[in-house]
Amino acid sequence: MTKKTTPEERFASLVEELTRLDGVEPPGTGRRFGSDALKADGHIFAMLSAGRLVLKLPRARVDELVDAGEGEHFDAGKGRPMREWFALDPASVLTWDGLAREAHAFVHR
């Protein structure tokens, strides 16, 4: 029987993999919003929020993913979805690594 990994374990694996990329800072740098997020050149590109992977992507890509039913626009609790932030549905078959690399490329241009 295969052990199911938690979102926190999946994010930890993602952090381990992506901190090898140029300019990526691991979580724990800073004390404010985003201190638990992956950053590239000081900009957040991936984080875990309420057990969901949240990524910064181009607005058109976020709209495409939302339209495909893969997740939704991320709302940071202010009642207004953020245009360039995507919250991946836990049931999505899309890979965390692939989307996080897309987000890294978007932020690290």
PDB file of N, CA and C in Angstrom:
ATOM      1  N   MET A   1       0.835  -1.176   0.000  1.00  0.00           N
ATOM      2  CA  MET A   1       0.000   0.000   0.000  1.00  0.00           C
ATOM      3  C   MET A   1       0.888   1.251   0.000  1.00  0.00           C
ATOM      4  N   THR A   2       0.565   2.192  -0.847  1.00  0.00           N
ATOM      5  CA  THR A   2       1.342   3.419  -0.968  1.00  0.00           C
ATOM      6  C   THR A   2       0.853   4.451   0.044  1.00  0.00           C
ATOM      7  N   LYS A   3       1.801   5.051   0.740  1.00  0.00           N
ATOM      8  CA  LYS A   3       1.460   6.078   1.725  1.00  0.00           C
ATOM      9  C   LYS A   3       1.088   7.369   0.999  1.00  0.00           C
ATOM     10  N   LYS A   4      -0.034   7.942   1.380  1.00  0.00           N
ATOM     11  CA  LYS A   4      -0.460   9.203   0.783  1.00  0.00           C
ATOM     12  C   LYS A   4       0.317  10.346   1.442  1.00  0.00           C
ATOM     13  N   THR A   5       0.897  11.201   0.607  1.00  0.00           N
ATOM     14  CA  THR A   5       1.656  12.327   1.155  1.00  0.00           C
ATOM     15  C   THR A   5       0.726  13.490   1.430  1.00  0.00           C
ATOM     16  N   THR A   6       1.039  14.237   2.453  1.00  0.00           N
ATOM     17  CA  THR A   6       0.257  15.417   2.804  1.00  0.00           C
ATOM     18  C   THR A   6       0.684  16.585   1.915  1.00  0.00           C
ATOM     19  N   PRO A   7      -0.142  17.620   1.809  1.00  0.00           N
ATOM     20  CA  PRO A   7       0.278  18.806   1.055  1.00  0.00           C
ATOM     21  C   PRO A   7       1.575  19.401   1.607  1.00  0.00           C
ATOM     22  N   GLU A   8       1.744  19.353   2.909  1.00  0.00           N
ATOM     23  CA  GLU A   8       2.958  19.891   3.520  1.00  0.00           C
ATOM     24  C   GLU A   8       4.188  19.086   3.101  1.00  0.00           C
ATOM     25  N   GLU A   9       4.052  17.764   3.027  1.00  0.00           N
ATOM     26  CA  GLU A   9       5.158  16.925   2.570  1.00  0.00           C
ATOM     27  C   GLU A   9       5.460  17.170   1.092  1.00  0.00           C
ATOM     28  N   ARG A  10       4.409  17.323   0.302  1.00  0.00           N
ATOM     29  CA  ARG A  10       4.606  17.599  -1.130  1.00  0.00           C
ATOM     30  C   ARG A  10       5.303  18.945  -1.321  1.00  0.00           C
ATOM     31  N   PHE A  11       4.911  19.942  -0.526  1.00  0.00           N
ATOM     32  CA  PHE A  11       5.529  21.257  -0.652  1.00  0.00           C
ATOM     33  C   PHE A  11       6.990  21.200  -0.209  1.00  0.00           C
ATOM     34  N   ALA A  12       7.270  20.457   0.836  1.00  0.00           N
ATOM     35  CA  ALA A  12       8.653  20.309   1.297  1.00  0.00           C
ATOM     36  C   ALA A  12       9.516  19.677   0.201  1.00  0.00           C
ATOM     37  N   SER A  13       8.998  18.689  -0.499  1.00  0.00           N
ATOM     38  CA  SER A  13       9.726  18.075  -1.620  1.00  0.00           C
ATOM     39  C   SER A  13       9.933  19.079  -2.746  1.00  0.00           C
ATOM     40  N   LEU A  14       8.914  19.880  -2.999  1.00  0.00           N
ATOM     41  CA  LEU A  14       9.008  20.907  -4.031  1.00  0.00           C
ATOM     42  C   LEU A  14      10.079  21.935  -3.660  1.00  0.00           C
ATOM     43  N   VAL A  15      10.102  22.339  -2.408  1.00  0.00           N
ATOM     44  CA  VAL A  15      11.120  23.281  -1.928  1.00  0.00           C
ATOM     45  C   VAL A  15      12.514  22.698  -2.137  1.00  0.00           C
ATOM     46  N   GLU A  16      12.689  21.443  -1.753  1.00  0.00           N
ATOM     47  CA  GLU A  16      13.995  20.791  -1.901  1.00  0.00           C
ATOM     48  C   GLU A  16      14.436  20.786  -3.365  1.00  0.00           C
ATOM     49  N   GLU A  17      13.508  20.504  -4.266  1.00  0.00           N
ATOM     50  CA  GLU A  17      13.834  20.450  -5.695  1.00  0.00           C
ATOM     51  C   GLU A  17      14.116  21.836  -6.272  1.00  0.00           C
ATOM     52  N   LEU A  18      13.265  22.805  -5.970  1.00  0.00           N
ATOM     53  CA  LEU A  18      13.348  24.105  -6.635  1.00  0.00           C
ATOM     54  C   LEU A  18      14.407  25.041  -6.061  1.00  0.00           C
ATOM     55  N   THR A  19      14.858  24.794  -4.851  1.00  0.00           N
ATOM     56  CA  THR A  19      15.913  25.658  -4.310  1.00  0.00           C
ATOM     57  C   THR A  19      17.236  25.437  -5.033  1.00  0.00           C
ATOM     58  N   ARG A  20      17.277  24.452  -5.911  1.00  0.00           N
ATOM     59  CA  ARG A  20      18.467  24.229  -6.757  1.00  0.00           C
ATOM     60  C   ARG A  20      18.483  25.174  -7.957  1.00  0.00           C
ATOM     61  N   LEU A  21      17.349  25.808  -8.254  1.00  0.00           N
ATOM     62  CA  LEU A  21      17.260  26.708  -9.404  1.00  0.00           C
ATOM     63  C   LEU A  21      17.888  28.062  -9.090  1.00  0.00           C
ATOM     64  N   ASP A  22      18.346  28.715 -10.108  1.00  0.00           N
ATOM     65  CA  ASP A  22      18.984  30.018  -9.993  1.00  0.00           C
ATOM     66  C   ASP A  22      18.057  31.047  -9.347  1.00  0.00           C
ATOM     67  N   GLY A  23      18.535  31.688  -8.310  1.00  0.00           N
ATOM     68  CA  GLY A  23      17.811  32.787  -7.683  1.00  0.00           C
ATOM     69  C   GLY A  23      16.689  32.400  -6.744  1.00  0.00           C
ATOM     70  N   VAL A  24      16.502  31.118  -6.471  1.00  0.00           N
ATOM     71  CA  VAL A  24      15.387  30.686  -5.617  1.00  0.00           C
ATOM     72  C   VAL A  24      15.793  30.708  -4.149  1.00  0.00           C
ATOM     73  N   GLU A  25      14.935  31.333  -3.342  1.00  0.00           N
ATOM     74  CA  GLU A  25      15.126  31.391  -1.890  1.00  0.00           C
ATOM     75  C   GLU A  25      14.111  30.466  -1.237  1.00  0.00           C
ATOM     76  N   PRO A  26      14.529  29.675  -0.266  1.00  0.00           N
ATOM     77  CA  PRO A  26      13.592  28.786   0.418  1.00  0.00           C
ATOM     78  C   PRO A  26      12.701  29.557   1.382  1.00  0.00           C
ATOM     79  N   PRO A  27      11.620  28.921   1.830  1.00  0.00           N
ATOM     80  CA  PRO A  27      10.791  29.554   2.866  1.00  0.00           C
ATOM     81  C   PRO A  27      11.630  29.845   4.105  1.00  0.00           C
ATOM     82  N   GLY A  28      11.149  30.791   4.882  1.00  0.00           N
ATOM     83  CA  GLY A  28      11.844  31.143   6.109  1.00  0.00           C
ATOM     84  C   GLY A  28      12.699  32.375   5.991  1.00  0.00           C
ATOM     85  N   THR A  29      12.702  33.009   4.826  1.00  0.00           N
ATOM     86  CA  THR A  29      13.458  34.244   4.661  1.00  0.00           C
ATOM     87  C   THR A  29      12.498  35.411   4.807  1.00  0.00           C
ATOM     88  N   GLY A  30      12.586  36.104   5.885  1.00  0.00           N
ATOM     89  CA  GLY A  30      11.685  37.221   6.155  1.00  0.00           C
ATOM     90  C   GLY A  30      10.669  36.861   7.218  1.00  0.00           C
ATOM     91  N   ARG A  31       9.916  37.845   7.657  1.00  0.00           N
ATOM     92  CA  ARG A  31       8.958  37.634   8.739  1.00  0.00           C
ATOM     93  C   ARG A  31       7.544  38.037   8.373  1.00  0.00           C
ATOM     94  N   ARG A  32       7.315  38.517   7.216  1.00  0.00           N
ATOM     95  CA  ARG A  32       5.985  38.992   6.860  1.00  0.00           C
ATOM     96  C   ARG A  32       5.316  38.029   5.889  1.00  0.00           C
ATOM     97  N   PHE A  33       4.278  38.525   5.191  1.00  0.00           N
ATOM     98  CA  PHE A  33       3.576  37.706   4.205  1.00  0.00           C
ATOM     99  C   PHE A  33       4.588  37.071   3.271  1.00  0.00           C
ATOM    100  N   GLY A  34       4.447  35.791   3.041  1.00  0.00           N
ATOM    101  CA  GLY A  34       5.350  35.106   2.138  1.00  0.00           C
ATOM    102  C   GLY A  34       6.561  34.500   2.798  1.00  0.00           C
ATOM    103  N   SER A  35       6.650  34.588   4.111  1.00  0.00           N
ATOM    104  CA  SER A  35       7.819  34.020   4.779  1.00  0.00           C
ATOM    105  C   SER A  35       7.840  32.497   4.649  1.00  0.00           C
ATOM    106  N   ASP A  36       6.700  31.888   4.346  1.00  0.00           N
ATOM    107  CA  ASP A  36       6.620  30.438   4.152  1.00  0.00           C
ATOM    108  C   ASP A  36       6.507  30.083   2.672  1.00  0.00           C
ATOM    109  N   ALA A  37       7.006  30.953   1.803  1.00  0.00           N
ATOM    110  CA  ALA A  37       6.859  30.773   0.363  1.00  0.00           C
ATOM    111  C   ALA A  37       8.209  30.625  -0.327  1.00  0.00           C
ATOM    112  N   LEU A  38       8.176  30.054  -1.505  1.00  0.00           N
ATOM    113  CA  LEU A  38       9.349  30.032  -2.382  1.00  0.00           C
ATOM    114  C   LEU A  38       9.416  31.369  -3.096  1.00  0.00           C
ATOM    115  N   LYS A  39      10.612  31.928  -3.174  1.00  0.00           N
ATOM    116  CA  LYS A  39      10.797  33.220  -3.831  1.00  0.00           C
ATOM    117  C   LYS A  39      11.904  33.120  -4.870  1.00  0.00           C
ATOM    118  N   ALA A  40      11.777  33.944  -5.892  1.00  0.00           N
ATOM    119  CA  ALA A  40      12.834  34.085  -6.892  1.00  0.00           C
ATOM    120  C   ALA A  40      13.132  35.568  -6.982  1.00  0.00           C
ATOM    121  N   ASP A  41      14.378  35.908  -6.776  1.00  0.00           N
ATOM    122  CA  ASP A  41      14.794  37.317  -6.821  1.00  0.00           C
ATOM    123  C   ASP A  41      13.944  38.179  -5.887  1.00  0.00           C
ATOM    124  N   GLY A  42      13.571  37.612  -4.742  1.00  0.00           N
ATOM    125  CA  GLY A  42      12.792  38.343  -3.747  1.00  0.00           C
ATOM    126  C   GLY A  42      11.296  38.367  -3.989  1.00  0.00           C
ATOM    127  N   HIS A  43      10.816  37.730  -5.061  1.00  0.00           N
ATOM    128  CA  HIS A  43       9.387  37.723  -5.387  1.00  0.00           C
ATOM    129  C   HIS A  43       8.798  36.333  -5.167  1.00  0.00           C
ATOM    130  N   ILE A  44       7.678  36.274  -4.489  1.00  0.00           N
ATOM    131  CA  ILE A  44       7.013  35.000  -4.231  1.00  0.00           C
ATOM    132  C   ILE A  44       6.515  34.414  -5.553  1.00  0.00           C
ATOM    133  N   PHE A  45       6.752  33.098  -5.728  1.00  0.00           N
ATOM    134  CA  PHE A  45       6.189  32.437  -6.902  1.00  0.00           C
ATOM    135  C   PHE A  45       5.413  31.168  -6.561  1.00  0.00           C
ATOM    136  N   ALA A  46       5.601  30.618  -5.369  1.00  0.00           N
ATOM    137  CA  ALA A  46       4.854  29.427  -4.965  1.00  0.00           C
ATOM    138  C   ALA A  46       4.757  29.381  -3.449  1.00  0.00           C
ATOM    139  N   MET A  47       3.574  28.983  -2.969  1.00  0.00           N
ATOM    140  CA  MET A  47       3.379  28.847  -1.522  1.00  0.00           C
ATOM    141  C   MET A  47       2.267  27.848  -1.265  1.00  0.00           C
ATOM    142  N   LEU A  48       2.190  27.402  -0.046  1.00  0.00           N
ATOM    143  CA  LEU A  48       1.132  26.498   0.375  1.00  0.00           C
ATOM    144  C   LEU A  48       0.167  27.312   1.223  1.00  0.00           C
ATOM    145  N   SER A  49      -1.114  27.250   0.879  1.00  0.00           N
ATOM    146  CA  SER A  49      -2.133  27.971   1.639  1.00  0.00           C
ATOM    147  C   SER A  49      -3.341  27.065   1.807  1.00  0.00           C
ATOM    148  N   ALA A  50      -3.677  26.779   3.037  1.00  0.00           N
ATOM    149  CA  ALA A  50      -4.818  25.917   3.361  1.00  0.00           C
ATOM    150  C   ALA A  50      -4.731  24.577   2.620  1.00  0.00           C
ATOM    151  N   GLY A  51      -3.520  24.033   2.543  1.00  0.00           N
ATOM    152  CA  GLY A  51      -3.321  22.739   1.913  1.00  0.00           C
ATOM    153  C   GLY A  51      -3.330  22.743   0.398  1.00  0.00           C
ATOM    154  N   ARG A  52      -3.331  23.932  -0.196  1.00  0.00           N
ATOM    155  CA  ARG A  52      -3.353  24.044  -1.659  1.00  0.00           C
ATOM    156  C   ARG A  52      -2.098  24.755  -2.142  1.00  0.00           C
ATOM    157  N   LEU A  53      -1.583  24.285  -3.273  1.00  0.00           N
ATOM    158  CA  LEU A  53      -0.450  24.944  -3.890  1.00  0.00           C
ATOM    159  C   LEU A  53      -0.963  26.205  -4.579  1.00  0.00           C
ATOM    160  N   VAL A  54      -0.322  27.324  -4.267  1.00  0.00           N
ATOM    161  CA  VAL A  54      -0.698  28.626  -4.842  1.00  0.00           C
ATOM    162  C   VAL A  54       0.507  29.142  -5.620  1.00  0.00           C
ATOM    163  N   LEU A  55       0.247  29.603  -6.841  1.00  0.00           N
ATOM    164  CA  LEU A  55       1.329  29.983  -7.752  1.00  0.00           C
ATOM    165  C   LEU A  55       1.066  31.319  -8.415  1.00  0.00           C
ATOM    166  N   LYS A  56       2.133  32.064  -8.666  1.00  0.00           N
ATOM    167  CA  LYS A  56       2.036  33.314  -9.419  1.00  0.00           C
ATOM    168  C   LYS A  56       2.332  32.993 -10.880  1.00  0.00           C
ATOM    169  N   LEU A  57       1.340  33.243 -11.727  1.00  0.00           N
ATOM    170  CA  LEU A  57       1.430  32.950 -13.153  1.00  0.00           C
ATOM    171  C   LEU A  57       0.846  34.111 -13.944  1.00  0.00           C
ATOM    172  N   PRO A  58       1.135  34.185 -15.236  1.00  0.00           N
ATOM    173  CA  PRO A  58       0.525  35.240 -16.043  1.00  0.00           C
ATOM    174  C   PRO A  58      -1.006  35.142 -15.990  1.00  0.00           C
ATOM    175  N   ARG A  59      -1.643  36.273 -16.025  1.00  0.00           N
ATOM    176  CA  ARG A  59      -3.104  36.319 -15.904  1.00  0.00           C
ATOM    177  C   ARG A  59      -3.799  35.391 -16.907  1.00  0.00           C
ATOM    178  N   ALA A  60      -3.343  35.395 -18.162  1.00  0.00           N
ATOM    179  CA  ALA A  60      -3.965  34.542 -19.185  1.00  0.00           C
ATOM    180  C   ALA A  60      -3.826  33.067 -18.826  1.00  0.00           C
ATOM    181  N   ARG A  61      -2.696  32.683 -18.270  1.00  0.00           N
ATOM    182  CA  ARG A  61      -2.473  31.282 -17.876  1.00  0.00           C
ATOM    183  C   ARG A  61      -3.368  30.911 -16.702  1.00  0.00           C
ATOM    184  N   VAL A  62      -3.517  31.823 -15.741  1.00  0.00           N
ATOM    185  CA  VAL A  62      -4.415  31.569 -14.610  1.00  0.00           C
ATOM    186  C   VAL A  62      -5.840  31.382 -15.123  1.00  0.00           C
ATOM    187  N   ASP A  63      -6.283  32.275 -16.004  1.00  0.00           N
ATOM    188  CA  ASP A  63      -7.635  32.162 -16.570  1.00  0.00           C
ATOM    189  C   ASP A  63      -7.811  30.832 -17.295  1.00  0.00           C
ATOM    190  N   GLU A  64      -6.795  30.410 -18.043  1.00  0.00           N
ATOM    191  CA  GLU A  64      -6.838  29.140 -18.774  1.00  0.00           C
ATOM    192  C   GLU A  64      -6.992  27.964 -17.807  1.00  0.00           C
ATOM    193  N   LEU A  65      -6.211  27.962 -16.730  1.00  0.00           N
ATOM    194  CA  LEU A  65      -6.288  26.884 -15.750  1.00  0.00           C
ATOM    195  C   LEU A  65      -7.628  26.866 -15.015  1.00  0.00           C
ATOM    196  N   VAL A  66      -8.143  28.040 -14.692  1.00  0.00           N
ATOM    197  CA  VAL A  66      -9.442  28.135 -14.030  1.00  0.00           C
ATOM    198  C   VAL A  66     -10.539  27.632 -14.972  1.00  0.00           C
ATOM    199  N   ASP A  67     -10.505  28.077 -16.228  1.00  0.00           N
ATOM    200  CA  ASP A  67     -11.499  27.646 -17.215  1.00  0.00           C
ATOM    201  C   ASP A  67     -11.464  26.135 -17.439  1.00  0.00           C
ATOM    202  N   ALA A  68     -10.272  25.537 -17.290  1.00  0.00           N
ATOM    203  CA  ALA A  68     -10.121  24.091 -17.465  1.00  0.00           C
ATOM    204  C   ALA A  68     -10.550  23.312 -16.213  1.00  0.00           C
ATOM    205  N   GLY A  69     -10.911  24.023 -15.143  1.00  0.00           N
ATOM    206  CA  GLY A  69     -11.366  23.372 -13.920  1.00  0.00           C
ATOM    207  C   GLY A  69     -10.248  22.824 -13.055  1.00  0.00           C
ATOM    208  N   GLU A  70      -9.034  23.329 -13.251  1.00  0.00           N
ATOM    209  CA  GLU A  70      -7.878  22.832 -12.490  1.00  0.00           C
ATOM    210  C   GLU A  70      -7.704  23.523 -11.137  1.00  0.00           C
ATOM    211  N   GLY A  71      -8.464  24.569 -10.881  1.00  0.00           N
ATOM    212  CA  GLY A  71      -8.363  25.313  -9.631  1.00  0.00           C
ATOM    213  C   GLY A  71      -9.100  26.620  -9.758  1.00  0.00           C
ATOM    214  N   GLU A  72      -8.685  27.597  -8.941  1.00  0.00           N
ATOM    215  CA  GLU A  72      -9.382  28.883  -8.957  1.00  0.00           C
ATOM    216  C   GLU A  72      -8.406  30.023  -8.716  1.00  0.00           C
ATOM    217  N   HIS A  73      -8.890  31.226  -8.990  1.00  0.00           N
ATOM    218  CA  HIS A  73      -8.090  32.405  -8.667  1.00  0.00           C
ATOM    219  C   HIS A  73      -7.918  32.420  -7.149  1.00  0.00           C
ATOM    220  N   PHE A  74      -6.726  32.722  -6.699  1.00  0.00           N
ATOM    221  CA  PHE A  74      -6.443  32.757  -5.265  1.00  0.00           C
ATOM    222  C   PHE A  74      -6.997  34.034  -4.649  1.00  0.00           C
ATOM    223  N   ASP A  75      -7.622  33.872  -3.499  1.00  0.00           N
ATOM    224  CA  ASP A  75      -8.137  35.003  -2.730  1.00  0.00           C
ATOM    225  C   ASP A  75      -7.408  34.975  -1.392  1.00  0.00           C
ATOM    226  N   ALA A  76      -6.672  36.022  -1.103  1.00  0.00           N
ATOM    227  CA  ALA A  76      -5.880  36.088   0.133  1.00  0.00           C
ATOM    228  C   ALA A  76      -6.719  36.483   1.338  1.00  0.00           C
ATOM    229  N   GLY A  77      -8.021  36.254   1.270  1.00  0.00           N
ATOM    230  CA  GLY A  77      -8.900  36.536   2.395  1.00  0.00           C
ATOM    231  C   GLY A  77      -9.463  37.938   2.403  1.00  0.00           C
ATOM    232  N   LYS A  78      -9.326  38.647   1.306  1.00  0.00           N
ATOM    233  CA  LYS A  78      -9.819  40.021   1.228  1.00  0.00           C
ATOM    234  C   LYS A  78     -11.101  40.120   0.410  1.00  0.00           C
ATOM    235  N   GLY A  79     -11.619  38.947  -0.035  1.00  0.00           N
ATOM    236  CA  GLY A  79     -12.858  38.943  -0.786  1.00  0.00           C
ATOM    237  C   GLY A  79     -12.699  39.328  -2.253  1.00  0.00           C
ATOM    238  N   ARG A  80     -11.461  39.378  -2.705  1.00  0.00           N
ATOM    239  CA  ARG A  80     -11.206  39.755  -4.093  1.00  0.00           C
ATOM    240  C   ARG A  80     -10.140  38.825  -4.672  1.00  0.00           C
ATOM    241  N   PRO A  81     -10.525  37.991  -5.645  1.00  0.00           N
ATOM    242  CA  PRO A  81      -9.539  37.093  -6.251  1.00  0.00           C
ATOM    243  C   PRO A  81      -8.399  37.877  -6.907  1.00  0.00           C
ATOM    244  N   MET A  82      -7.212  37.331  -6.798  1.00  0.00           N
ATOM    245  CA  MET A  82      -6.024  37.971  -7.359  1.00  0.00           C
ATOM    246  C   MET A  82      -5.796  37.442  -8.776  1.00  0.00           C
ATOM    247  N   ARG A  83      -5.645  38.332  -9.741  1.00  0.00           N
ATOM    248  CA  ARG A  83      -5.594  37.970 -11.157  1.00  0.00           C
ATOM    249  C   ARG A  83      -4.423  37.082 -11.549  1.00  0.00           C
ATOM    250  N   GLU A  84      -3.279  37.292 -10.950  1.00  0.00           N
ATOM    251  CA  GLU A  84      -2.089  36.531 -11.327  1.00  0.00           C
ATOM    252  C   GLU A  84      -1.728  35.439 -10.322  1.00  0.00           C
ATOM    253  N   TRP A  85      -2.678  35.058  -9.497  1.00  0.00           N
ATOM    254  CA  TRP A  85      -2.428  34.020  -8.505  1.00  0.00           C
ATOM    255  C   TRP A  85      -3.431  32.896  -8.685  1.00  0.00           C
ATOM    256  N   PHE A  86      -2.919  31.671  -8.714  1.00  0.00           N
ATOM    257  CA  PHE A  86      -3.726  30.490  -8.974  1.00  0.00           C
ATOM    258  C   PHE A  86      -3.609  29.507  -7.819  1.00  0.00           C
ATOM    259  N   ALA A  87      -4.754  29.020  -7.339  1.00  0.00           N
ATOM    260  CA  ALA A  87      -4.784  27.995  -6.295  1.00  0.00           C
ATOM    261  C   ALA A  87      -5.185  26.677  -6.956  1.00  0.00           C
ATOM    262  N   LEU A  88      -4.270  25.735  -6.975  1.00  0.00           N
ATOM    263  CA  LEU A  88      -4.484  24.449  -7.629  1.00  0.00           C
ATOM    264  C   LEU A  88      -5.459  23.593  -6.830  1.00  0.00           C
ATOM    265  N   ASP A  89      -6.422  23.018  -7.520  1.00  0.00           N
ATOM    266  CA  ASP A  89      -7.373  22.101  -6.890  1.00  0.00           C
ATOM    267  C   ASP A  89      -6.603  20.850  -6.461  1.00  0.00           C
ATOM    268  N   PRO A  90      -6.780  20.389  -5.223  1.00  0.00           N
ATOM    269  CA  PRO A  90      -6.058  19.193  -4.770  1.00  0.00           C
ATOM    270  C   PRO A  90      -6.348  17.954  -5.623  1.00  0.00           C
ATOM    271  N   ALA A  91      -7.487  17.915  -6.295  1.00  0.00           N
ATOM    272  CA  ALA A  91      -7.845  16.767  -7.130  1.00  0.00           C
ATOM    273  C   ALA A  91      -7.258  16.855  -8.541  1.00  0.00           C
ATOM    274  N   SER A  92      -6.604  17.953  -8.871  1.00  0.00           N
ATOM    275  CA  SER A  92      -6.036  18.134 -10.204  1.00  0.00           C
ATOM    276  C   SER A  92      -4.930  17.111 -10.467  1.00  0.00           C
ATOM    277  N   VAL A  93      -4.824  16.698 -11.723  1.00  0.00           N
ATOM    278  CA  VAL A  93      -3.761  15.765 -12.105  1.00  0.00           C
ATOM    279  C   VAL A  93      -2.505  16.510 -12.558  1.00  0.00           C
ATOM    280  N   LEU A  94      -2.549  17.841 -12.602  1.00  0.00           N
ATOM    281  CA  LEU A  94      -1.379  18.622 -12.987  1.00  0.00           C
ATOM    282  C   LEU A  94      -0.287  18.462 -11.933  1.00  0.00           C
ATOM    283  N   THR A  95       0.964  18.448 -12.373  1.00  0.00           N
ATOM    284  CA  THR A  95       2.062  18.238 -11.432  1.00  0.00           C
ATOM    285  C   THR A  95       2.450  19.542 -10.741  1.00  0.00           C
ATOM    286  N   TRP A  96       2.742  19.430  -9.468  1.00  0.00           N
ATOM    287  CA  TRP A  96       3.179  20.592  -8.701  1.00  0.00           C
ATOM    288  C   TRP A  96       4.494  21.102  -9.256  1.00  0.00           C
ATOM    289  N   ASP A  97       5.395  20.200  -9.576  1.00  0.00           N
ATOM    290  CA  ASP A  97       6.707  20.589 -10.061  1.00  0.00           C
ATOM    291  C   ASP A  97       6.598  21.385 -11.364  1.00  0.00           C
ATOM    292  N   GLY A  98       5.815  20.889 -12.302  1.00  0.00           N
ATOM    293  CA  GLY A  98       5.673  21.565 -13.586  1.00  0.00           C
ATOM    294  C   GLY A  98       5.096  22.966 -13.450  1.00  0.00           C
ATOM    295  N   LEU A  99       4.042  23.096 -12.657  1.00  0.00           N
ATOM    296  CA  LEU A  99       3.425  24.409 -12.461  1.00  0.00           C
ATOM    297  C   LEU A  99       4.345  25.350 -11.693  1.00  0.00           C
ATOM    298  N   ALA A 100       5.050  24.822 -10.701  1.00  0.00           N
ATOM    299  CA  ALA A 100       5.958  25.667  -9.929  1.00  0.00           C
ATOM    300  C   ALA A 100       7.113  26.163 -10.794  1.00  0.00           C
ATOM    301  N   ARG A 101       7.582  25.335 -11.699  1.00  0.00           N
ATOM    302  CA  ARG A 101       8.633  25.765 -12.619  1.00  0.00           C
ATOM    303  C   ARG A 101       8.113  26.845 -13.577  1.00  0.00           C
ATOM    304  N   GLU A 102       6.861  26.725 -13.990  1.00  0.00           N
ATOM    305  CA  GLU A 102       6.233  27.777 -14.811  1.00  0.00           C
ATOM    306  C   GLU A 102       6.199  29.085 -14.038  1.00  0.00           C
ATOM    307  N   ALA A 103       5.795  28.997 -12.768  1.00  0.00           N
ATOM    308  CA  ALA A 103       5.709  30.186 -11.922  1.00  0.00           C
ATOM    309  C   ALA A 103       7.094  30.800 -11.712  1.00  0.00           C
ATOM    310  N   HIS A 104       8.083  29.956 -11.496  1.00  0.00           N
ATOM    311  CA  HIS A 104       9.457  30.445 -11.332  1.00  0.00           C
ATOM    312  C   HIS A 104       9.906  31.186 -12.583  1.00  0.00           C
ATOM    313  N   ALA A 105       9.666  30.610 -13.745  1.00  0.00           N
ATOM    314  CA  ALA A 105      10.059  31.240 -14.998  1.00  0.00           C
ATOM    315  C   ALA A 105       9.356  32.579 -15.189  1.00  0.00           C
ATOM    316  N   PHE A 106       8.115  32.666 -14.764  1.00  0.00           N
ATOM    317  CA  PHE A 106       7.353  33.922 -14.882  1.00  0.00           C
ATOM    318  C   PHE A 106       7.934  35.013 -13.989  1.00  0.00           C
ATOM    319  N   VAL A 107       8.291  34.670 -12.775  1.00  0.00           N
ATOM    320  CA  VAL A 107       8.797  35.654 -11.817  1.00  0.00           C
ATOM    321  C   VAL A 107      10.270  35.976 -12.070  1.00  0.00           C
ATOM    322  N   HIS A 108      11.024  34.991 -12.515  1.00  0.00           N
ATOM    323  CA  HIS A 108      12.477  35.123 -12.696  1.00  0.00           C
ATOM    324  C   HIS A 108      12.818  35.418 -14.161  1.00  0.00           C
ATOM    325  N   ARG A 109      12.238  36.491 -14.706  1.00  0.00           N
ATOM    326  CA  ARG A 109      12.475  36.798 -16.120  1.00  0.00           C
ATOM    327  C   ARG A 109      13.645  37.711 -16.291  1.00  0.00           C
TER     328      ARG A 109
END
